[in-house]
Amino acid sequence: MTSINPSGDGVNCIASSHTHTAGSSRLGLSPGYWKPNPNGRTFQPPYPWPIAPFETITTQGNKTYSFEQGLRKTERKSDRTEGTTYTWNPSDYLQYRGLPQNADGWDTGTKYNAVFTSSFERRSFSRILLEANGSLEWHFCAAYLNAAAMPGTYVLSIQDVLEIASAGRLVPGGSQLTDGQIKAFLSQTWS
């Protein structure tokens, strides 16, 4: 893959201080893919990666929940009993189905600032993916999950993602990028 600058154009590494040479040609998956509960699942495969979507989560069964699926919204009824609590077990990740987005516990998962240590963001990856559509943190959540789930094949490594988040630059000594430029660059790394 050629170097990419934030405007989406392929550029020569020497000609621009914005460039980043991608180590692979495999694009990752969008934040919408990683968002908890698309199509009734918590986080999607491939698994494992070092992010827990929740530690414990409690449903409040027999309520109607709204699920965003692509561009349309549908209404579903939860078939869980009142107050059912689930504990996250990574080996059973495909067994967690139909957990509502407004269930208590999405904030008990891995915290964003536990991974991105230079951040003041206190919400969990799950909470950010559910609530912060289009934000810089939302973009970094997806990039990190892509790098963690597809090590060595995603266009960025975990270290690349962490360096961009902490320095605001695509390469050491490169130009300082705006949040919009970083979001545009990260958006280019998934399909």
Protein backbone atom coordinates (compact mmCIF):
# COMPACT_ATOMS: atom_id res chain seq x y z
CA MET A 1 0.00 0.00 0.00
CA THR A 2 1.27 3.46 -0.77
CA SER A 3 1.64 6.18 1.77
CA ILE A 4 -1.55 8.07 2.49
CA ASN A 5 -2.01 11.62 3.61
CA PRO A 6 -5.08 12.90 5.49
CA SER A 7 -6.72 14.21 2.32
CA GLY A 8 -6.80 10.69 0.89
CA ASP A 9 -4.21 11.18 -1.82
CA GLY A 10 -1.28 8.79 -2.24
CA VAL A 11 1.91 10.76 -1.72
CA ASN A 12 5.64 10.26 -1.65
CA CYS A 13 6.99 9.80 1.89
CA ILE A 14 9.79 12.27 1.26
CA ALA A 15 7.51 14.95 -0.21
CA SER A 16 5.19 15.36 2.76
CA SER A 17 5.55 15.35 6.50
CA HIS A 18 1.93 14.10 6.81
CA THR A 19 2.55 10.68 5.34
CA HIS A 20 2.50 7.29 6.97
CA THR A 21 3.72 4.16 5.25
CA ALA A 22 1.20 1.43 5.86
CA GLY A 23 2.69 -1.97 6.61
CA SER A 24 -0.05 -3.99 4.94
CA SER A 25 -2.74 -3.72 2.33
CA ARG A 26 -5.61 -5.08 4.47
CA LEU A 27 -8.19 -2.53 5.50
CA GLY A 28 -9.95 -2.83 8.82
CA LEU A 29 -13.59 -2.58 9.82
CA SER A 30 -15.60 0.55 10.60
CA PRO A 31 -16.60 1.84 14.04
CA GLY A 32 -20.17 0.76 13.23
CA TYR A 33 -18.95 -2.81 12.87
CA TRP A 34 -17.22 -2.74 16.27
CA LYS A 35 -20.12 -1.01 18.03
CA PRO A 36 -21.69 -3.31 20.65
CA ASN A 37 -24.76 -5.20 19.56
CA PRO A 38 -24.82 -4.83 15.80
CA ASN A 39 -27.03 -7.64 14.56
CA GLY A 40 -27.54 -8.84 18.14
CA ARG A 41 -23.88 -9.47 19.10
CA THR A 42 -21.61 -7.72 21.56
CA PHE A 43 -18.28 -7.23 19.76
CA GLN A 44 -17.78 -8.94 16.44
CA PRO A 45 -15.20 -11.57 15.47
CA PRO A 46 -12.30 -12.05 15.05
CA TYR A 47 -11.48 -12.53 18.71
CA PRO A 48 -9.56 -12.44 21.07
CA TRP A 49 -8.18 -8.95 21.49
CA PRO A 50 -7.37 -7.12 24.73
CA ILE A 51 -10.65 -5.19 25.01
CA ALA A 52 -13.58 -6.41 27.09
CA PRO A 53 -16.91 -4.89 25.97
CA PHE A 54 -18.17 -5.18 29.56
CA GLU A 55 -17.30 -6.87 32.87
CA THR A 56 -20.90 -7.39 33.93
CA ILE A 57 -24.05 -6.24 32.22
CA THR A 58 -27.66 -6.37 33.36
CA THR A 59 -30.63 -6.40 31.06
CA GLN A 60 -34.03 -5.14 32.04
CA GLY A 61 -36.07 -7.68 30.04
CA ASN A 62 -39.50 -7.22 28.51
CA LYS A 63 -38.81 -3.66 27.34
CA THR A 64 -38.71 -2.46 23.76
CA TYR A 65 -35.27 -1.39 22.59
CA SER A 66 -34.26 0.52 19.49
CA PHE A 67 -31.34 -0.92 17.56
CA GLU A 68 -29.55 1.00 14.81
CA GLN A 69 -28.81 -1.37 11.96
CA GLY A 70 -27.16 0.43 9.11
CA LEU A 71 -29.32 3.35 8.06
CA ARG A 72 -32.65 2.11 9.38
CA LYS A 73 -33.96 1.62 12.88
CA THR A 74 -35.97 -1.37 13.97
CA GLU A 75 -37.77 -2.12 17.18
CA ARG A 76 -37.23 -5.37 19.05
CA LYS A 77 -38.39 -6.84 22.30
CA SER A 78 -35.79 -8.28 24.62
CA ASP A 79 -36.39 -11.93 25.43
CA ARG A 80 -34.25 -11.72 28.57
CA THR A 81 -35.88 -11.99 31.97
CA GLU A 82 -36.05 -9.01 34.32
CA GLY A 83 -32.66 -8.13 35.75
CA THR A 84 -30.56 -10.85 34.08
CA THR A 85 -26.85 -10.24 34.71
CA TYR A 86 -24.09 -11.50 32.43
CA THR A 87 -20.37 -11.65 33.16
CA TRP A 88 -17.95 -11.23 30.25
CA ASN A 89 -16.07 -14.38 29.28
CA PRO A 90 -13.93 -13.93 26.14
CA SER A 91 -14.15 -17.59 25.16
CA ASP A 92 -17.96 -17.24 24.94
CA TYR A 93 -17.97 -14.00 22.96
CA LEU A 94 -20.40 -15.26 20.31
CA GLN A 95 -22.88 -16.40 22.99
CA TYR A 96 -23.73 -12.84 24.06
CA ARG A 97 -26.61 -11.97 21.77
CA GLY A 98 -29.42 -9.46 21.95
CA LEU A 99 -27.94 -7.41 24.78
CA PRO A 100 -29.65 -4.02 24.50
CA GLN A 101 -27.58 -0.92 23.90
CA ASN A 102 -29.15 0.78 26.90
CA ALA A 103 -28.46 -2.09 29.33
CA ASP A 104 -26.62 -1.26 32.53
CA GLY A 105 -22.98 -2.27 32.25
CA TRP A 106 -21.57 -1.14 28.90
CA ASP A 107 -19.47 1.30 30.92
CA THR A 108 -17.84 -1.56 32.90
CA GLY A 109 -15.72 -2.68 29.93
CA THR A 110 -12.14 -1.70 29.17
CA LYS A 111 -11.75 2.04 29.63
CA TYR A 112 -10.44 4.12 26.76
CA ASN A 113 -7.93 5.90 29.02
CA ALA A 114 -6.53 2.53 30.16
CA VAL A 115 -5.28 2.03 26.59
CA PHE A 116 -4.80 5.63 25.42
CA THR A 117 -2.98 6.79 28.55
CA SER A 118 -2.59 10.39 27.38
CA SER A 119 -6.38 10.77 27.19
CA PHE A 120 -8.75 12.28 29.72
CA GLU A 121 -11.62 10.23 28.27
CA ARG A 122 -13.12 8.15 31.10
CA ARG A 123 -15.72 6.14 29.15
CA SER A 124 -15.29 2.54 28.06
CA PHE A 125 -14.69 1.52 24.45
CA SER A 126 -18.28 0.23 24.35
CA ARG A 127 -19.76 3.46 25.69
CA ILE A 128 -17.75 5.55 23.19
CA LEU A 129 -18.79 3.34 20.27
CA LEU A 130 -22.43 3.57 21.39
CA GLU A 131 -22.56 7.30 22.17
CA ALA A 132 -19.80 9.24 20.41
CA ASN A 133 -20.56 8.65 16.73
CA GLY A 134 -18.02 10.49 14.58
CA SER A 135 -15.80 11.70 17.43
CA LEU A 136 -12.02 11.38 17.45
CA GLU A 137 -12.26 8.79 20.24
CA TRP A 138 -14.78 6.79 18.18
CA HIS A 139 -12.25 6.70 15.31
CA PHE A 140 -9.41 5.65 17.60
CA CYS A 141 -11.55 2.89 19.16
CA ALA A 142 -12.11 1.33 15.74
CA ALA A 143 -8.47 1.72 14.69
CA TYR A 144 -7.27 0.12 17.93
CA LEU A 145 -9.73 -2.78 17.66
CA ASN A 146 -8.71 -3.36 14.04
CA ALA A 147 -5.02 -3.41 14.99
CA ALA A 148 -5.68 -5.72 17.95
CA ALA A 149 -7.98 -8.12 16.08
CA MET A 150 -5.84 -8.26 12.92
CA PRO A 151 -2.24 -8.07 14.16
CA GLY A 152 0.26 -7.90 11.34
CA THR A 153 -2.40 -7.64 8.65
CA TYR A 154 -4.26 -4.38 9.40
CA VAL A 155 -2.66 -1.31 7.80
CA LEU A 156 -1.71 0.06 11.25
CA SER A 157 -0.13 -1.66 14.24
CA ILE A 158 -1.31 -1.08 17.80
CA GLN A 159 1.85 0.98 18.33
CA ASP A 160 1.02 3.13 15.25
CA VAL A 161 -2.46 3.85 16.61
CA LEU A 162 -1.14 4.73 20.07
CA GLU A 163 1.56 7.00 18.62
CA ILE A 164 -0.90 8.88 16.42
CA ALA A 165 -3.23 9.30 19.42
CA SER A 166 -0.51 10.57 21.74
CA ALA A 167 1.45 12.79 19.34
CA GLY A 168 -1.17 13.89 16.81
CA ARG A 169 1.32 13.07 14.06
CA LEU A 170 1.43 10.24 11.53
CA VAL A 171 5.21 9.99 11.74
CA PRO A 172 7.73 11.18 14.34
CA GLY A 173 8.68 14.75 13.52
CA GLY A 174 5.77 15.10 11.10
CA SER A 175 3.33 17.98 11.07
CA GLN A 176 0.83 18.31 13.89
CA LEU A 177 -2.58 17.28 12.53
CA THR A 178 -6.00 18.59 13.43
CA ASP A 179 -8.64 16.23 14.82
CA GLY A 180 -10.39 16.40 11.44
CA GLN A 181 -7.24 15.36 9.58
CA ILE A 182 -6.65 12.44 11.98
CA LYS A 183 -10.26 11.29 11.59
CA ALA A 184 -9.97 11.52 7.79
CA PHE A 185 -6.76 9.48 7.84
CA LEU A 186 -8.16 6.79 10.17
CA SER A 187 -11.34 6.57 8.08
CA GLN A 188 -9.17 5.61 5.12
CA THR A 189 -7.88 2.58 7.02
CA TRP A 190 -11.19 0.71 7.12
CA SER A 191 -13.69 -0.37 4.53
